[in-house]
Amino acid sequence: MITLAVDCMGGDHGPRVTLEACEKFLATHADAQLLLVGKSEVLAPWASRPRVTVIEASEVVAMDDPIEIALRKKKDSSMRAAIQQVKDGKADVAVSAGNTGALMAIARYLLKTIEGIDRPAIASQMPQEKGGATTVLDLGANVDCQPEHLLQFAVMGAALVSALQPGGPEPSVGLLNIGEKAKKGNDMIKKAGELLRKAGQSGFINFVGNVEGNDIFKGTADIVICDGFVGNVALKASEGLAGMVGGFLKQEFSRNLFTKMAAIVAYPVLSAFKKRVDHRRYNGAALLGLRGLVFKSHGSADALAFEQALVRAYDAASHQLLARVQ
């Protein structure tokens, strides 16, 4: 059995979304069990369900709570209690839609980093035109990075993709830059490129060189490495793409007869495109580099998106992601 500890109180919508997602997840994963963490009055109806254990936590980390409050003051929060289950060996992975900064701080404090890893990184997937997804990291945990950090991100990203796609070819790694040539970029990126090329030549990773922003969506590399500032900007742009398509369809259907007819003709294609780029289908970011598995769901996730985060966490745990990174 794969055991997931779920912070049921976190995120913009809390139990209304997380519990619906948990119910759907359990229906499709017979070899999984859930530790539902949160306030007892909310989770009491779940206490007698099969493959469910309720863990009481009296506090909730709000989405706007400062990291210091979440880490030092709210020691009985559902977020902290969920991660504690992983530390204590009672759960294989923890999942939360709560405050990203607080989640990273608490996870790092409780679980510590793997030896050889200086900084944990946030890794998630973005849709690409080949029909699959490109894994990108870091997506916001580390705004200022050193070249050695990007090398570590590459190793961890390769382990993540190998775990989520077992049996596939060795994943390729690209370094996000303003051009493909090695001389492009600032000093940090150039030095990171040198380290990645040496790692590639030594057989540690399958490094394919520099890639540009549009290569994320082309699928030029399976994994794209960048600092957290750039990665977070790219993530937000990706999430806005599906919304833009949906807004376009809504506008065209509300105009004159000609545009309505054109929209009707184009609707199947645009709807399929919207589904492909729907960020909910790629929800679930891994906090890599810790001595335990933690997955972050988008704070505004609906039930479909949060279920995807649970599935991604389950897949990572069942395919031994932590051992692969180590």
Protein backbone atom coordinates (compact mmCIF):
# COMPACT_ATOMS: atom_id res chain seq x y z
CA MET A 1 0.00 0.00 0.00
CA ILE A 2 1.17 3.51 -0.86
CA THR A 3 0.27 5.94 1.94
CA LEU A 4 -0.39 9.60 1.21
CA ALA A 5 -0.68 12.22 3.97
CA VAL A 6 -3.06 14.92 2.72
CA ASP A 7 -3.28 18.42 4.13
CA CYS A 8 -7.04 18.73 3.79
CA MET A 9 -7.23 22.31 5.07
CA GLY A 10 -4.72 24.01 2.76
CA GLY A 11 -5.33 26.01 -0.39
CA ASP A 12 -7.91 28.58 -1.40
CA HIS A 13 -10.84 26.15 -1.08
CA GLY A 14 -9.77 23.75 1.68
CA PRO A 15 -11.82 20.61 2.47
CA ARG A 16 -14.52 21.41 -0.09
CA VAL A 17 -12.01 20.59 -2.84
CA THR A 18 -9.47 18.31 -1.16
CA LEU A 19 -12.01 15.81 0.17
CA GLU A 20 -13.82 15.51 -3.16
CA ALA A 21 -10.48 14.86 -4.84
CA CYS A 22 -9.54 12.28 -2.20
CA GLU A 23 -12.78 10.39 -2.79
CA LYS A 24 -12.14 10.22 -6.55
CA PHE A 25 -8.52 9.20 -6.00
CA LEU A 26 -9.43 6.33 -3.67
CA ALA A 27 -11.95 5.04 -6.21
CA THR A 28 -9.21 4.59 -8.83
CA HIS A 29 -6.26 3.51 -6.64
CA ALA A 30 -7.06 0.33 -4.74
CA ASP A 31 -3.49 0.00 -3.45
CA ALA A 32 -3.41 3.44 -1.81
CA GLN A 33 -4.46 4.65 1.62
CA LEU A 34 -4.85 8.20 2.87
CA LEU A 35 -3.97 9.95 6.11
CA LEU A 36 -6.38 12.90 6.09
CA VAL A 37 -4.96 15.72 8.18
CA GLY A 38 -7.09 18.59 9.47
CA LYS A 39 -9.69 19.73 11.95
CA SER A 40 -11.59 16.87 13.57
CA GLU A 41 -15.03 18.40 13.11
CA VAL A 42 -14.46 18.57 9.36
CA LEU A 43 -12.94 15.13 8.92
CA ALA A 44 -15.10 13.18 11.40
CA PRO A 45 -17.41 11.73 8.67
CA TRP A 46 -14.35 10.15 7.04
CA ALA A 47 -13.08 8.36 10.15
CA SER A 48 -14.94 5.12 9.44
CA ARG A 49 -14.11 4.88 5.75
CA PRO A 50 -11.87 2.05 4.51
CA ARG A 51 -8.25 2.94 3.68
CA VAL A 52 -8.61 6.26 5.49
CA THR A 53 -7.11 7.43 8.78
CA VAL A 54 -7.91 10.84 10.22
CA ILE A 55 -5.07 12.82 11.82
CA GLU A 56 -6.27 15.76 13.90
CA ALA A 57 -4.60 19.17 13.52
CA SER A 58 -6.07 22.21 15.25
CA GLU A 59 -4.45 24.96 13.14
CA VAL A 60 -4.39 25.98 9.47
CA VAL A 61 -1.65 27.81 7.60
CA ALA A 62 -3.38 30.61 5.70
CA MET A 63 -2.33 31.44 2.16
CA ASP A 64 -1.06 34.85 3.30
CA ASP A 65 0.65 33.72 6.51
CA PRO A 66 4.30 34.82 6.78
CA ILE A 67 6.76 31.93 6.77
CA GLU A 68 7.82 32.74 10.33
CA ILE A 69 4.24 32.37 11.58
CA ALA A 70 3.72 29.06 9.78
CA LEU A 71 7.05 27.64 10.92
CA ARG A 72 7.38 28.93 14.49
CA LYS A 73 3.89 29.73 15.70
CA LYS A 74 1.49 27.26 14.08
CA LYS A 75 3.12 24.04 15.25
CA ASP A 76 -0.15 22.08 15.11
CA SER A 77 -1.07 23.08 11.56
CA SER A 78 -2.46 20.55 9.10
CA MET A 79 0.45 21.31 6.76
CA ARG A 80 3.06 20.56 9.39
CA ALA A 81 1.24 17.47 10.65
CA ALA A 82 1.04 16.04 7.12
CA ILE A 83 4.78 16.45 6.58
CA GLN A 84 5.42 15.01 10.05
CA GLN A 85 3.74 11.78 8.91
CA VAL A 86 6.44 11.45 6.24
CA LYS A 87 9.22 12.19 8.72
CA ASP A 88 7.84 9.58 11.13
CA GLY A 89 7.65 6.95 8.38
CA LYS A 90 3.86 6.71 8.55
CA ALA A 91 3.36 8.11 5.04
CA ASP A 92 5.30 7.72 1.80
CA VAL A 93 4.47 11.22 0.57
CA ALA A 94 2.68 14.38 1.73
CA VAL A 95 0.45 16.56 -0.45
CA SER A 96 -0.69 20.13 0.25
CA ALA A 97 -2.26 23.00 -1.67
CA GLY A 98 -1.19 25.48 0.98
CA ASN A 99 1.17 28.45 1.06
CA THR A 100 4.20 27.54 -1.09
CA GLY A 101 6.77 29.40 0.98
CA ALA A 102 5.47 27.91 4.21
CA LEU A 103 5.35 24.40 2.74
CA MET A 104 8.95 24.61 1.55
CA ALA A 105 10.15 26.05 4.87
CA ILE A 106 8.35 23.47 7.02
CA ALA A 107 9.36 20.58 4.76
CA ARG A 108 12.98 21.66 4.80
CA TYR A 109 12.94 22.14 8.56
CA LEU A 110 11.37 18.77 9.34
CA LEU A 111 12.86 16.57 6.63
CA LYS A 112 16.22 18.26 5.94
CA THR A 113 17.97 18.08 2.58
CA ILE A 114 19.62 15.05 1.02
CA GLU A 115 23.39 14.96 1.39
CA GLY A 116 24.96 16.73 -1.59
CA ILE A 117 21.91 18.92 -2.23
CA ASP A 118 22.27 22.54 -1.14
CA ARG A 119 18.76 23.72 -1.94
CA PRO A 120 15.47 21.94 -2.62
CA ALA A 121 13.73 22.84 -5.87
CA ILE A 122 10.13 22.88 -7.10
CA ALA A 123 9.57 20.83 -10.24
CA SER A 124 6.41 20.51 -12.31
CA GLN A 125 5.30 19.86 -15.87
CA MET A 126 4.23 22.16 -18.68
CA PRO A 127 2.37 21.03 -21.81
CA GLN A 128 4.26 20.74 -25.08
CA GLU A 129 3.23 20.34 -28.70
CA LYS A 130 4.30 16.70 -28.98
CA GLY A 131 1.44 15.73 -26.69
CA GLY A 132 3.47 15.09 -23.57
CA ALA A 133 4.91 17.49 -21.03
CA THR A 134 8.22 19.17 -20.25
CA THR A 135 9.44 19.06 -16.66
CA VAL A 136 10.75 22.45 -15.53
CA LEU A 137 12.66 23.35 -12.36
CA ASP A 138 13.14 25.43 -10.32
CA LEU A 139 9.68 27.04 -10.32
CA GLY A 140 10.10 29.47 -7.47
CA ALA A 141 11.91 28.02 -4.48
CA ASN A 142 15.26 29.64 -5.30
CA VAL A 143 15.31 33.10 -6.86
CA ASP A 144 19.12 33.47 -6.71
CA CYS A 145 21.08 30.42 -7.76
CA GLN A 146 24.69 29.40 -8.19
CA PRO A 147 25.88 27.19 -11.09
CA GLU A 148 26.20 24.20 -8.75
CA HIS A 149 22.52 24.53 -7.83
CA LEU A 150 21.45 24.23 -11.47
CA LEU A 151 23.54 21.09 -11.81
CA GLN A 152 21.80 19.63 -8.77
CA PHE A 153 18.42 20.59 -10.25
CA ALA A 154 19.34 18.70 -13.42
CA VAL A 155 20.20 15.52 -11.51
CA MET A 156 17.01 15.71 -9.43
CA GLY A 157 14.87 16.50 -12.47
CA ALA A 158 16.25 13.49 -14.33
CA ALA A 159 15.42 11.29 -11.33
CA LEU A 160 11.87 12.67 -11.23
CA VAL A 161 11.15 12.05 -14.91
CA SER A 162 12.70 8.56 -14.73
CA ALA A 163 10.46 7.76 -11.76
CA LEU A 164 7.28 9.06 -13.38
CA GLN A 165 8.08 7.41 -16.73
CA PRO A 166 9.70 4.11 -15.76
CA GLY A 167 11.16 2.03 -18.54
CA GLY A 168 11.53 4.97 -20.91
CA PRO A 169 14.73 6.34 -22.46
CA GLU A 170 17.11 8.43 -20.40
CA PRO A 171 15.48 11.87 -20.12
CA SER A 172 17.21 14.76 -21.88
CA VAL A 173 18.17 17.93 -19.99
CA GLY A 174 18.34 21.46 -21.40
CA LEU A 175 19.55 24.68 -19.76
CA LEU A 176 17.17 27.62 -20.25
CA ASN A 177 19.04 30.51 -21.85
CA ILE A 178 18.61 33.43 -24.25
CA GLY A 179 20.21 31.46 -27.07
CA GLU A 180 21.45 28.00 -27.96
CA LYS A 181 25.17 28.88 -28.22
CA ALA A 182 27.37 28.17 -25.19
CA LYS A 183 28.67 31.77 -25.11
CA LYS A 184 25.15 33.16 -24.52
CA GLY A 185 23.80 34.25 -21.13
CA ASN A 186 25.23 35.79 -17.98
CA ASP A 187 28.24 34.45 -16.08
CA MET A 188 26.14 32.21 -13.84
CA ILE A 189 24.42 30.54 -16.78
CA LYS A 190 27.71 30.10 -18.66
CA LYS A 191 29.33 28.43 -15.65
CA ALA A 192 26.25 26.25 -15.13
CA GLY A 193 26.49 25.23 -18.78
CA GLU A 194 30.09 24.16 -18.27
CA LEU A 195 29.15 22.02 -15.27
CA LEU A 196 26.23 20.45 -17.11
CA ARG A 197 28.36 19.66 -20.16
CA LYS A 198 30.97 17.96 -17.95
CA ALA A 199 28.22 15.99 -16.20
CA GLY A 200 26.87 14.98 -19.60
CA GLN A 201 30.29 13.89 -20.84
CA SER A 202 30.74 11.82 -17.68
CA GLY A 203 27.42 10.08 -18.25
CA PHE A 204 25.62 11.44 -15.17
CA ILE A 205 22.90 13.19 -17.19
CA ASN A 206 21.79 13.38 -20.82
CA PHE A 207 22.58 17.07 -21.39
CA VAL A 208 21.55 18.44 -24.80
CA GLY A 209 22.76 22.04 -24.34
CA ASN A 210 21.05 25.40 -24.08
CA VAL A 211 17.37 25.77 -24.92
CA GLU A 212 15.19 28.86 -25.28
CA GLY A 213 11.80 29.66 -23.78
CA ASN A 214 9.81 28.37 -26.74
CA ASP A 215 11.61 25.03 -26.49
CA ILE A 216 9.68 24.31 -23.29
CA PHE A 217 6.50 24.04 -25.36
CA LYS A 218 8.21 22.42 -28.36
CA GLY A 219 9.43 19.53 -26.23
CA THR A 220 13.06 20.01 -27.30
CA ALA A 221 14.22 18.56 -23.97
CA ASP A 222 12.40 16.41 -21.43
CA ILE A 223 13.71 18.60 -18.59
CA VAL A 224 14.46 22.32 -18.61
CA ILE A 225 16.62 23.82 -15.86
CA CYS A 226 16.44 27.44 -14.70
CA ASP A 227 16.49 29.56 -11.55
CA GLY A 228 13.28 30.02 -9.58
CA PHE A 229 12.61 33.57 -10.76
CA VAL A 230 12.60 32.66 -14.44
CA GLY A 231 10.81 29.37 -13.82
CA ASN A 232 7.95 30.95 -11.90
CA VAL A 233 7.39 33.53 -14.65
CA ALA A 234 7.27 30.74 -17.26
CA LEU A 235 4.84 28.74 -15.11
CA LYS A 236 2.41 31.64 -14.73
CA ALA A 237 2.53 32.30 -18.49
CA SER A 238 1.75 28.64 -19.17
CA GLU A 239 -1.22 28.67 -16.78
CA GLY A 240 -2.66 31.73 -18.49
CA LEU A 241 -2.69 30.07 -21.92
CA ALA A 242 -5.76 27.88 -21.37
CA GLY A 243 -7.64 30.79 -19.83
CA MET A 244 -6.86 32.91 -22.88
CA VAL A 245 -8.31 30.28 -25.22
CA GLY A 246 -11.42 29.94 -23.07
CA GLY A 247 -11.88 33.72 -23.03
CA PHE A 248 -11.49 33.86 -26.81
CA LEU A 249 -14.21 31.26 -27.35
CA LYS A 250 -16.55 33.07 -25.00
CA GLN A 251 -16.04 36.39 -26.78
CA GLU A 252 -16.52 34.98 -30.28
CA PHE A 253 -19.77 33.23 -29.35
CA SER A 254 -21.15 36.50 -28.05
CA ARG A 255 -20.51 38.57 -31.20
CA ASN A 256 -22.34 38.76 -34.54
CA LEU A 257 -23.74 35.85 -36.53
CA PHE A 258 -20.64 35.47 -38.70
CA THR A 259 -18.23 35.18 -35.77
CA LYS A 260 -20.64 32.80 -34.01
CA MET A 261 -20.65 30.52 -37.05
CA ALA A 262 -16.85 30.70 -37.34
CA ALA A 263 -16.52 29.92 -33.64
CA ILE A 264 -18.84 26.91 -33.98
CA VAL A 265 -16.67 25.53 -36.79
CA ALA A 266 -13.45 26.10 -34.84
CA TYR A 267 -14.84 24.98 -31.49
CA PRO A 268 -13.75 21.29 -31.59
CA VAL A 269 -10.15 22.19 -32.43
CA LEU A 270 -9.93 25.03 -29.92
CA SER A 271 -11.57 22.92 -27.22
CA ALA A 272 -9.04 20.14 -27.78
CA PHE A 273 -6.23 22.69 -27.59
CA LYS A 274 -7.66 24.18 -24.41
CA LYS A 275 -7.79 20.72 -22.84
CA ARG A 276 -4.19 19.98 -23.83
CA VAL A 277 -2.86 23.18 -22.24
CA ASP A 278 -5.18 23.03 -19.22
CA HIS A 279 -2.80 23.53 -16.29
CA ARG A 280 -5.08 21.44 -14.05
CA ARG A 281 -3.99 18.30 -15.92
CA TYR A 282 -0.37 19.00 -14.95
CA ASN A 283 -1.01 19.97 -11.33
CA GLY A 284 1.30 18.60 -8.68
CA ALA A 285 4.82 19.97 -8.20
CA ALA A 286 7.51 17.93 -6.47
CA LEU A 287 9.68 19.48 -3.76
CA LEU A 288 12.92 17.78 -4.73
CA GLY A 289 16.06 17.44 -2.65
CA LEU A 290 14.45 16.60 0.70
CA ARG A 291 14.80 13.41 2.74
CA GLY A 292 11.13 12.70 2.16
CA LEU A 293 8.58 13.20 -0.60
CA VAL A 294 6.37 16.30 -0.59
CA PHE A 295 4.10 17.46 -3.43
CA LYS A 296 2.60 20.92 -3.85
CA SER A 297 -0.78 21.48 -5.47
CA HIS A 298 -1.74 24.85 -6.90
CA GLY A 299 -3.49 26.89 -4.22
CA SER A 300 -6.52 27.59 -6.41
CA ALA A 301 -6.84 23.97 -7.56
CA ASP A 302 -10.30 22.52 -8.06
CA ALA A 303 -11.10 18.86 -7.35
CA LEU A 304 -9.84 17.70 -10.75
CA ALA A 305 -6.52 19.50 -10.31
CA PHE A 306 -6.00 18.35 -6.72
CA GLU A 307 -6.74 14.77 -7.74
CA GLN A 308 -3.98 15.09 -10.36
CA ALA A 309 -1.59 16.19 -7.61
CA LEU A 310 -2.52 13.10 -5.59
CA VAL A 311 -1.94 10.87 -8.62
CA ARG A 312 1.45 12.45 -9.32
CA ALA A 313 2.48 12.02 -5.68
CA TYR A 314 1.31 8.40 -5.73
CA ASP A 315 3.28 7.68 -8.92
CA ALA A 316 6.44 9.24 -7.47
CA ALA A 317 6.19 7.22 -4.26
CA SER A 318 5.36 3.94 -6.00
CA HIS A 319 8.34 4.31 -8.35
CA GLN A 320 10.83 5.15 -5.61
CA LEU A 321 11.57 8.76 -6.52
CA LEU A 322 13.38 9.45 -3.25
CA ALA A 323 15.78 6.53 -3.77
CA ARG A 324 16.44 7.63 -7.35
CA VAL A 325 17.37 11.16 -6.27
CA GLN A 326 19.62 9.84 -3.50
